[in-house]
Amino acid sequence: MTVTTQERYAAPEERTSTDRADWDRLVESVRESGQYPTRAEAERVTRIVLSTLGGHVTGEERVDLARALPEEAARLIAGQIPVTRPLTAPGFVDSVAARVEGATPATARWDVSSVLSALPPLIGDALTDRILKALPPGYALLFGHADLGPRL
């Protein structure tokens, strides 16, 4: 679902329609993978996880991620102040748990995985791999990929 040049420079009303449909598909993918009972719950979780991710992906990966996502998701990513040191994968999950009312570490891990595993089909394997290399070890599983990197 990469935005083409033609779509990127489409009239605002056309782009809004396309971007809205892409955002809706992303949220629906999260709803299905996370088995959330409502679209509203899936959208709430998607917003929280993407906002948290936005501070941890930096540099060119952050720019390319924002470009590859629907406009609504891109705003969530780009609107965050980059952290100076990304959290470990468990720390990232804990950070999400702190933002989700009533979350436990297990439910937060489920939420994070439901959202992050929906990203690779949208952004492609090459960008996913670049993002994973830029983050501390352990994030691959959250993105739905095997963590086959070397152990330190």
N, C-alpha and C. Protein backbone atom coordinates (compact mmCIF):
# COMPACT_ATOMS: atom_id res chain seq x y z
N MET A 1 0.81 -1.19 0.00
CA MET A 1 0.00 0.00 0.00
C MET A 1 0.86 1.26 0.00
N THR A 2 1.97 1.22 -0.67
CA THR A 2 2.81 2.38 -0.79
C THR A 2 2.09 3.42 -1.62
N VAL A 3 2.20 4.68 -1.22
CA VAL A 3 1.56 5.76 -1.95
C VAL A 3 2.38 6.06 -3.20
N THR A 4 1.73 6.06 -4.36
CA THR A 4 2.42 6.36 -5.60
C THR A 4 2.60 7.86 -5.73
N THR A 5 3.50 8.26 -6.64
CA THR A 5 3.72 9.68 -6.88
C THR A 5 2.43 10.35 -7.30
N GLN A 6 1.66 9.67 -8.15
CA GLN A 6 0.40 10.23 -8.62
C GLN A 6 -0.55 10.47 -7.44
N GLU A 7 -0.63 9.52 -6.52
CA GLU A 7 -1.51 9.67 -5.37
C GLU A 7 -0.99 10.77 -4.42
N ARG A 8 0.33 10.84 -4.25
CA ARG A 8 0.92 11.82 -3.35
C ARG A 8 0.61 13.25 -3.81
N TYR A 9 0.54 13.45 -5.14
CA TYR A 9 0.29 14.78 -5.67
C TYR A 9 -1.13 14.94 -6.19
N ALA A 10 -2.01 14.06 -5.78
CA ALA A 10 -3.41 14.16 -6.17
C ALA A 10 -4.05 15.35 -5.48
N ALA A 11 -5.18 15.75 -6.01
CA ALA A 11 -5.94 16.83 -5.38
C ALA A 11 -6.23 16.45 -3.94
N PRO A 12 -6.27 17.43 -3.02
CA PRO A 12 -6.46 17.12 -1.60
C PRO A 12 -7.66 16.22 -1.32
N GLU A 13 -8.78 16.46 -2.01
CA GLU A 13 -9.95 15.62 -1.73
C GLU A 13 -9.74 14.18 -2.18
N GLU A 14 -8.98 13.98 -3.27
CA GLU A 14 -8.68 12.62 -3.73
C GLU A 14 -7.71 11.95 -2.78
N ARG A 15 -6.69 12.67 -2.34
CA ARG A 15 -5.70 12.08 -1.46
C ARG A 15 -6.34 11.73 -0.13
N THR A 16 -7.19 12.58 0.37
CA THR A 16 -7.86 12.32 1.64
C THR A 16 -8.65 11.02 1.55
N SER A 17 -9.34 10.82 0.45
CA SER A 17 -10.12 9.61 0.25
C SER A 17 -9.22 8.37 0.23
N THR A 18 -8.11 8.46 -0.52
CA THR A 18 -7.18 7.34 -0.61
C THR A 18 -6.53 7.08 0.73
N ASP A 19 -6.04 8.13 1.38
CA ASP A 19 -5.39 7.98 2.68
C ASP A 19 -6.35 7.41 3.72
N ARG A 20 -7.59 7.88 3.69
CA ARG A 20 -8.58 7.39 4.66
C ARG A 20 -8.81 5.90 4.45
N ALA A 21 -8.91 5.49 3.20
CA ALA A 21 -9.11 4.07 2.91
C ALA A 21 -7.90 3.25 3.37
N ASP A 22 -6.68 3.77 3.15
CA ASP A 22 -5.48 3.07 3.60
C ASP A 22 -5.43 2.97 5.12
N TRP A 23 -5.80 4.06 5.80
CA TRP A 23 -5.85 4.05 7.27
C TRP A 23 -6.88 3.01 7.74
N ASP A 24 -8.04 3.00 7.11
CA ASP A 24 -9.08 2.05 7.47
C ASP A 24 -8.60 0.61 7.28
N ARG A 25 -7.86 0.36 6.20
CA ARG A 25 -7.32 -1.00 5.96
C ARG A 25 -6.30 -1.37 7.03
N LEU A 26 -5.46 -0.42 7.42
CA LEU A 26 -4.49 -0.68 8.48
C LEU A 26 -5.21 -1.03 9.78
N VAL A 27 -6.17 -0.24 10.16
CA VAL A 27 -6.92 -0.49 11.40
C VAL A 27 -7.66 -1.82 11.32
N GLU A 28 -8.22 -2.12 10.18
CA GLU A 28 -8.93 -3.41 10.02
C GLU A 28 -7.95 -4.58 10.13
N SER A 29 -6.76 -4.42 9.59
CA SER A 29 -5.74 -5.46 9.71
C SER A 29 -5.37 -5.68 11.18
N VAL A 30 -5.23 -4.59 11.92
CA VAL A 30 -4.94 -4.69 13.36
C VAL A 30 -6.12 -5.34 14.08
N ARG A 31 -7.34 -4.95 13.72
CA ARG A 31 -8.53 -5.53 14.37
C ARG A 31 -8.57 -7.04 14.15
N GLU A 32 -8.30 -7.47 12.94
CA GLU A 32 -8.32 -8.91 12.64
C GLU A 32 -7.20 -9.66 13.34
N SER A 33 -5.97 -9.14 13.24
CA SER A 33 -4.84 -9.87 13.84
C SER A 33 -4.92 -9.88 15.36
N GLY A 34 -5.43 -8.79 15.93
CA GLY A 34 -5.54 -8.72 17.38
C GLY A 34 -6.85 -9.25 17.92
N GLN A 35 -7.76 -9.60 17.02
CA GLN A 35 -9.08 -10.11 17.39
C GLN A 35 -9.82 -9.14 18.31
N TYR A 36 -9.71 -7.84 18.00
CA TYR A 36 -10.42 -6.84 18.78
C TYR A 36 -11.89 -6.86 18.39
N PRO A 37 -12.79 -6.73 19.36
CA PRO A 37 -14.21 -6.84 19.05
C PRO A 37 -14.76 -5.66 18.25
N THR A 38 -14.11 -4.50 18.35
CA THR A 38 -14.63 -3.33 17.63
C THR A 38 -13.50 -2.62 16.88
N ARG A 39 -13.90 -1.90 15.86
CA ARG A 39 -12.95 -1.10 15.10
C ARG A 39 -12.38 0.00 15.99
N ALA A 40 -13.23 0.58 16.85
CA ALA A 40 -12.78 1.66 17.74
C ALA A 40 -11.65 1.20 18.65
N GLU A 41 -11.75 -0.01 19.18
CA GLU A 41 -10.70 -0.52 20.04
C GLU A 41 -9.41 -0.74 19.25
N ALA A 42 -9.53 -1.28 18.06
CA ALA A 42 -8.35 -1.49 17.21
C ALA A 42 -7.71 -0.16 16.84
N GLU A 43 -8.52 0.85 16.56
CA GLU A 43 -7.97 2.16 16.21
C GLU A 43 -7.27 2.79 17.41
N ARG A 44 -7.84 2.66 18.58
CA ARG A 44 -7.23 3.21 19.80
C ARG A 44 -5.86 2.58 20.04
N VAL A 45 -5.78 1.25 19.93
CA VAL A 45 -4.52 0.54 20.13
C VAL A 45 -3.52 0.93 19.04
N THR A 46 -3.98 1.05 17.81
CA THR A 46 -3.09 1.43 16.70
C THR A 46 -2.49 2.80 16.96
N ARG A 47 -3.29 3.74 17.39
CA ARG A 47 -2.79 5.09 17.66
C ARG A 47 -1.75 5.08 18.79
N ILE A 48 -2.02 4.35 19.84
CA ILE A 48 -1.09 4.31 20.98
C ILE A 48 0.24 3.69 20.58
N VAL A 49 0.18 2.56 19.89
CA VAL A 49 1.42 1.86 19.52
C VAL A 49 2.22 2.67 18.51
N LEU A 50 1.57 3.23 17.49
CA LEU A 50 2.29 4.02 16.50
C LEU A 50 2.89 5.29 17.12
N SER A 51 2.16 5.91 18.05
CA SER A 51 2.71 7.08 18.73
C SER A 51 3.95 6.71 19.53
N THR A 52 3.90 5.58 20.19
CA THR A 52 5.06 5.13 20.95
C THR A 52 6.22 4.80 20.01
N LEU A 53 5.93 4.12 18.93
CA LEU A 53 6.97 3.76 17.95
C LEU A 53 7.61 5.01 17.35
N GLY A 54 6.83 6.05 17.15
CA GLY A 54 7.33 7.26 16.53
C GLY A 54 8.52 7.88 17.22
N GLY A 55 8.61 7.73 18.50
CA GLY A 55 9.76 8.28 19.21
C GLY A 55 11.00 7.41 19.14
N HIS A 56 10.82 6.15 18.74
CA HIS A 56 11.92 5.19 18.78
C HIS A 56 12.56 4.92 17.42
N VAL A 57 11.85 5.23 16.36
CA VAL A 57 12.42 5.09 15.02
C VAL A 57 12.91 6.47 14.63
N THR A 58 14.19 6.57 14.28
CA THR A 58 14.78 7.87 14.02
C THR A 58 15.46 7.89 12.65
N GLY A 59 15.95 9.04 12.28
CA GLY A 59 16.74 9.20 11.07
C GLY A 59 15.95 8.90 9.80
N GLU A 60 16.67 8.39 8.81
CA GLU A 60 16.06 8.08 7.51
C GLU A 60 14.96 7.02 7.64
N GLU A 61 15.12 6.10 8.58
CA GLU A 61 14.10 5.06 8.76
C GLU A 61 12.77 5.69 9.17
N ARG A 62 12.84 6.69 10.02
CA ARG A 62 11.63 7.38 10.47
C ARG A 62 10.96 8.10 9.30
N VAL A 63 11.76 8.80 8.51
CA VAL A 63 11.24 9.52 7.34
C VAL A 63 10.60 8.54 6.36
N ASP A 64 11.31 7.46 6.06
CA ASP A 64 10.81 6.49 5.10
C ASP A 64 9.57 5.76 5.62
N LEU A 65 9.55 5.50 6.93
CA LEU A 65 8.37 4.86 7.53
C LEU A 65 7.16 5.77 7.39
N ALA A 66 7.32 7.03 7.72
CA ALA A 66 6.20 7.97 7.60
C ALA A 66 5.71 8.07 6.16
N ARG A 67 6.63 8.06 5.20
CA ARG A 67 6.24 8.13 3.79
C ARG A 67 5.48 6.89 3.32
N ALA A 68 5.81 5.74 3.91
CA ALA A 68 5.21 4.48 3.47
C ALA A 68 3.84 4.21 4.08
N LEU A 69 3.50 4.94 5.13
CA LEU A 69 2.25 4.70 5.84
C LEU A 69 1.15 5.66 5.39
N PRO A 70 -0.11 5.31 5.65
CA PRO A 70 -1.19 6.26 5.39
C PRO A 70 -0.94 7.54 6.18
N GLU A 71 -1.46 8.64 5.68
CA GLU A 71 -1.20 9.96 6.27
C GLU A 71 -1.50 10.01 7.77
N GLU A 72 -2.60 9.43 8.20
CA GLU A 72 -2.95 9.44 9.63
C GLU A 72 -1.87 8.75 10.46
N ALA A 73 -1.40 7.60 9.99
CA ALA A 73 -0.33 6.87 10.69
C ALA A 73 0.98 7.65 10.63
N ALA A 74 1.25 8.27 9.49
CA ALA A 74 2.48 9.06 9.34
C ALA A 74 2.52 10.21 10.34
N ARG A 75 1.39 10.84 10.56
CA ARG A 75 1.32 11.93 11.54
C ARG A 75 1.62 11.42 12.94
N LEU A 76 1.14 10.24 13.26
CA LEU A 76 1.40 9.67 14.58
C LEU A 76 2.89 9.38 14.77
N ILE A 77 3.54 8.91 13.72
CA ILE A 77 4.97 8.61 13.76
C ILE A 77 5.77 9.92 13.84
N ALA A 78 5.50 10.82 12.91
CA ALA A 78 6.29 12.05 12.79
C ALA A 78 6.02 13.05 13.90
N GLY A 79 4.91 12.93 14.57
CA GLY A 79 4.55 13.89 15.61
C GLY A 79 5.23 13.67 16.94
N GLN A 80 6.05 12.66 17.04
CA GLN A 80 6.71 12.34 18.30
C GLN A 80 8.13 12.88 18.33
N ILE A 81 8.58 13.29 19.48
CA ILE A 81 9.96 13.73 19.65
C ILE A 81 10.82 12.47 19.74
N PRO A 82 11.84 12.38 18.90
CA PRO A 82 12.71 11.19 18.95
C PRO A 82 13.42 11.06 20.29
N VAL A 83 13.47 9.85 20.78
CA VAL A 83 14.18 9.59 22.03
C VAL A 83 15.68 9.53 21.73
N THR A 84 16.49 9.77 22.75
CA THR A 84 17.93 9.71 22.53
C THR A 84 18.44 8.27 22.56
N ARG A 85 17.73 7.42 23.28
CA ARG A 85 18.08 5.99 23.33
C ARG A 85 16.80 5.18 23.29
N PRO A 86 16.62 4.37 22.23
CA PRO A 86 15.40 3.57 22.16
C PRO A 86 15.31 2.57 23.31
N LEU A 87 14.11 2.31 23.71
CA LEU A 87 13.87 1.31 24.75
C LEU A 87 14.15 -0.09 24.22
N THR A 88 14.47 -0.99 25.12
CA THR A 88 14.53 -2.40 24.73
C THR A 88 13.13 -2.82 24.32
N ALA A 89 13.00 -3.96 23.66
CA ALA A 89 11.67 -4.43 23.25
C ALA A 89 10.75 -4.59 24.47
N PRO A 90 11.21 -5.23 25.56
CA PRO A 90 10.34 -5.31 26.75
C PRO A 90 10.01 -3.94 27.32
N GLY A 91 10.95 -3.02 27.29
CA GLY A 91 10.70 -1.66 27.76
C GLY A 91 9.67 -0.94 26.90
N PHE A 92 9.73 -1.20 25.60
CA PHE A 92 8.76 -0.61 24.67
C PHE A 92 7.36 -1.13 25.01
N VAL A 93 7.24 -2.42 25.23
CA VAL A 93 5.95 -3.02 25.59
C VAL A 93 5.46 -2.42 26.91
N ASP A 94 6.34 -2.27 27.88
CA ASP A 94 5.96 -1.66 29.16
C ASP A 94 5.49 -0.22 28.97
N SER A 95 6.14 0.50 28.06
CA SER A 95 5.75 1.87 27.78
C SER A 95 4.33 1.93 27.21
N VAL A 96 4.02 0.99 26.32
CA VAL A 96 2.66 0.91 25.77
C VAL A 96 1.68 0.53 26.88
N ALA A 97 2.05 -0.41 27.73
CA ALA A 97 1.17 -0.84 28.82
C ALA A 97 0.81 0.34 29.72
N ALA A 98 1.75 1.26 29.92
CA ALA A 98 1.49 2.43 30.76
C ALA A 98 0.48 3.38 30.11
N ARG A 99 0.31 3.29 28.80
CA ARG A 99 -0.60 4.19 28.08
C ARG A 99 -1.98 3.57 27.83
N VAL A 100 -2.09 2.26 28.06
CA VAL A 100 -3.36 1.58 27.81
C VAL A 100 -4.02 1.27 29.15
N GLU A 101 -5.17 1.85 29.38
CA GLU A 101 -5.87 1.66 30.64
C GLU A 101 -6.16 0.18 30.87
N GLY A 102 -5.76 -0.31 32.04
CA GLY A 102 -6.03 -1.69 32.42
C GLY A 102 -5.13 -2.72 31.77
N ALA A 103 -4.09 -2.29 31.07
CA ALA A 103 -3.22 -3.23 30.37
C ALA A 103 -2.31 -3.98 31.35
N THR A 104 -2.02 -5.20 31.00
CA THR A 104 -1.02 -6.00 31.70
C THR A 104 0.15 -6.16 30.72
N PRO A 105 1.29 -6.65 31.18
CA PRO A 105 2.39 -6.88 30.23
C PRO A 105 1.97 -7.81 29.08
N ALA A 106 1.17 -8.81 29.37
CA ALA A 106 0.73 -9.75 28.33
C ALA A 106 -0.21 -9.09 27.33
N THR A 107 -1.17 -8.30 27.81
CA THR A 107 -2.10 -7.65 26.87
C THR A 107 -1.39 -6.56 26.08
N ALA A 108 -0.44 -5.88 26.70
CA ALA A 108 0.33 -4.86 25.97
C ALA A 108 1.18 -5.50 24.89
N ARG A 109 1.78 -6.63 25.17
CA ARG A 109 2.57 -7.36 24.17
C ARG A 109 1.68 -7.76 23.00
N TRP A 110 0.47 -8.20 23.31
CA TRP A 110 -0.52 -8.55 22.27
C TRP A 110 -0.85 -7.32 21.42
N ASP A 111 -1.11 -6.19 22.09
CA ASP A 111 -1.44 -4.96 21.37
C ASP A 111 -0.29 -4.53 20.46
N VAL A 112 0.91 -4.51 21.01
CA VAL A 112 2.08 -4.09 20.23
C VAL A 112 2.27 -5.01 19.03
N SER A 113 2.22 -6.30 19.24
CA SER A 113 2.40 -7.25 18.14
C SER A 113 1.29 -7.13 17.10
N SER A 114 0.09 -6.89 17.53
CA SER A 114 -1.04 -6.75 16.60
C SER A 114 -0.82 -5.57 15.67
N VAL A 115 -0.28 -4.49 16.18
CA VAL A 115 -0.05 -3.30 15.36
C VAL A 115 1.23 -3.44 14.54
N LEU A 116 2.32 -3.77 15.20
CA LEU A 116 3.60 -3.81 14.48
C LEU A 116 3.65 -4.90 13.42
N SER A 117 2.96 -6.00 13.64
CA SER A 117 2.96 -7.06 12.61
C SER A 117 2.12 -6.68 11.40
N ALA A 118 1.29 -5.64 11.54
CA ALA A 118 0.52 -5.16 10.39
C ALA A 118 1.34 -4.22 9.50
N LEU A 119 2.49 -3.77 9.98
CA LEU A 119 3.29 -2.81 9.22
C LEU A 119 4.09 -3.42 8.07
N PRO A 120 4.78 -4.56 8.23
CA PRO A 120 5.60 -5.07 7.13
C PRO A 120 4.88 -5.21 5.79
N PRO A 121 3.64 -5.67 5.73
CA PRO A 121 2.99 -5.73 4.42
C PRO A 121 2.79 -4.34 3.79
N LEU A 122 2.71 -3.31 4.61
CA LEU A 122 2.53 -1.95 4.11
C LEU A 122 3.85 -1.31 3.70
N ILE A 123 4.89 -1.55 4.46
CA ILE A 123 6.14 -0.82 4.26
C ILE A 123 7.20 -1.63 3.52
N GLY A 124 6.99 -2.93 3.40
CA GLY A 124 7.95 -3.77 2.68
C GLY A 124 9.03 -4.34 3.58
N ASP A 125 9.63 -5.42 3.09
CA ASP A 125 10.66 -6.11 3.88
C ASP A 125 11.94 -5.29 4.04
N ALA A 126 12.33 -4.56 3.00
CA ALA A 126 13.59 -3.82 3.07
C ALA A 126 13.53 -2.75 4.16
N LEU A 127 12.44 -1.98 4.21
CA LEU A 127 12.32 -0.95 5.25
C LEU A 127 12.13 -1.60 6.62
N THR A 128 11.37 -2.67 6.69
CA THR A 128 11.21 -3.37 7.97
C THR A 128 12.56 -3.81 8.50
N ASP A 129 13.39 -4.39 7.63
CA ASP A 129 14.72 -4.84 8.05
C ASP A 129 15.58 -3.66 8.53
N ARG A 130 15.52 -2.54 7.83
CA ARG A 130 16.29 -1.36 8.24
C ARG A 130 15.84 -0.86 9.61
N ILE A 131 14.53 -0.84 9.83
CA ILE A 131 13.99 -0.40 11.12
C ILE A 131 14.45 -1.35 12.22
N LEU A 132 14.37 -2.64 11.97
CA LEU A 132 14.77 -3.62 12.98
C LEU A 132 16.25 -3.52 13.30
N LYS A 133 17.08 -3.23 12.30
CA LYS A 133 18.52 -3.08 12.54
C LYS A 133 18.82 -1.83 13.36
N ALA A 134 17.97 -0.81 13.25
CA ALA A 134 18.18 0.44 13.97
C ALA A 134 17.68 0.36 15.42
N LEU A 135 16.78 -0.57 15.69
CA LEU A 135 16.23 -0.72 17.04
C LEU A 135 17.05 -1.74 17.82
N PRO A 136 16.97 -1.70 19.15
CA PRO A 136 17.66 -2.72 19.94
C PRO A 136 17.14 -4.12 19.62
N PRO A 137 17.93 -5.15 19.92
CA PRO A 137 17.49 -6.53 19.67
C PRO A 137 16.16 -6.83 20.37
N GLY A 138 15.38 -7.71 19.77
CA GLY A 138 14.13 -8.16 20.37
C GLY A 138 12.88 -7.63 19.71
N TYR A 139 13.00 -6.61 18.86
CA TYR A 139 11.83 -6.03 18.21
C TYR A 139 11.29 -6.90 17.08
N ALA A 140 12.12 -7.74 16.51
CA ALA A 140 11.69 -8.54 15.34
C ALA A 140 10.44 -9.35 15.66
N LEU A 141 10.40 -9.96 16.81
CA LEU A 141 9.22 -10.75 17.17
C LEU A 141 7.97 -9.89 17.26
N LEU A 142 8.13 -8.65 17.71
CA LEU A 142 6.98 -7.75 17.80
C LEU A 142 6.45 -7.39 16.41
N PHE A 143 7.34 -7.39 15.41
CA PHE A 143 6.96 -7.11 14.03
C PHE A 143 6.51 -8.38 13.30
N GLY A 144 6.46 -9.50 14.02
CA GLY A 144 6.01 -10.75 13.41
C GLY A 144 7.10 -11.47 12.63
N HIS A 145 8.36 -11.13 12.87
CA HIS A 145 9.49 -11.77 12.20
C HIS A 145 10.28 -12.58 13.19
N ALA A 146 10.93 -13.63 12.70
CA ALA A 146 11.81 -14.40 13.56
C ALA A 146 13.02 -13.54 13.92
N ASP A 147 13.47 -13.65 15.14
CA ASP A 147 14.65 -12.90 15.58
C ASP A 147 15.85 -13.81 15.43
N LEU A 148 16.46 -13.77 14.24
CA LEU A 148 17.58 -14.67 13.95
C LEU A 148 18.93 -13.98 14.01
N GLY A 149 18.93 -12.77 14.53
CA GLY A 149 20.18 -12.01 14.62
C GLY A 149 21.11 -12.60 15.66
N PRO A 150 22.40 -12.23 15.56
CA PRO A 150 23.37 -12.75 16.53
C PRO A 150 23.08 -12.23 17.93
N ARG A 151 23.35 -13.04 18.89
CA ARG A 151 23.18 -12.66 20.30
C ARG A 151 24.46 -12.02 20.79
N LEU A 152 24.33 -10.96 21.55
CA LEU A 152 25.51 -10.28 22.09
C LEU A 152 25.85 -10.82 23.45
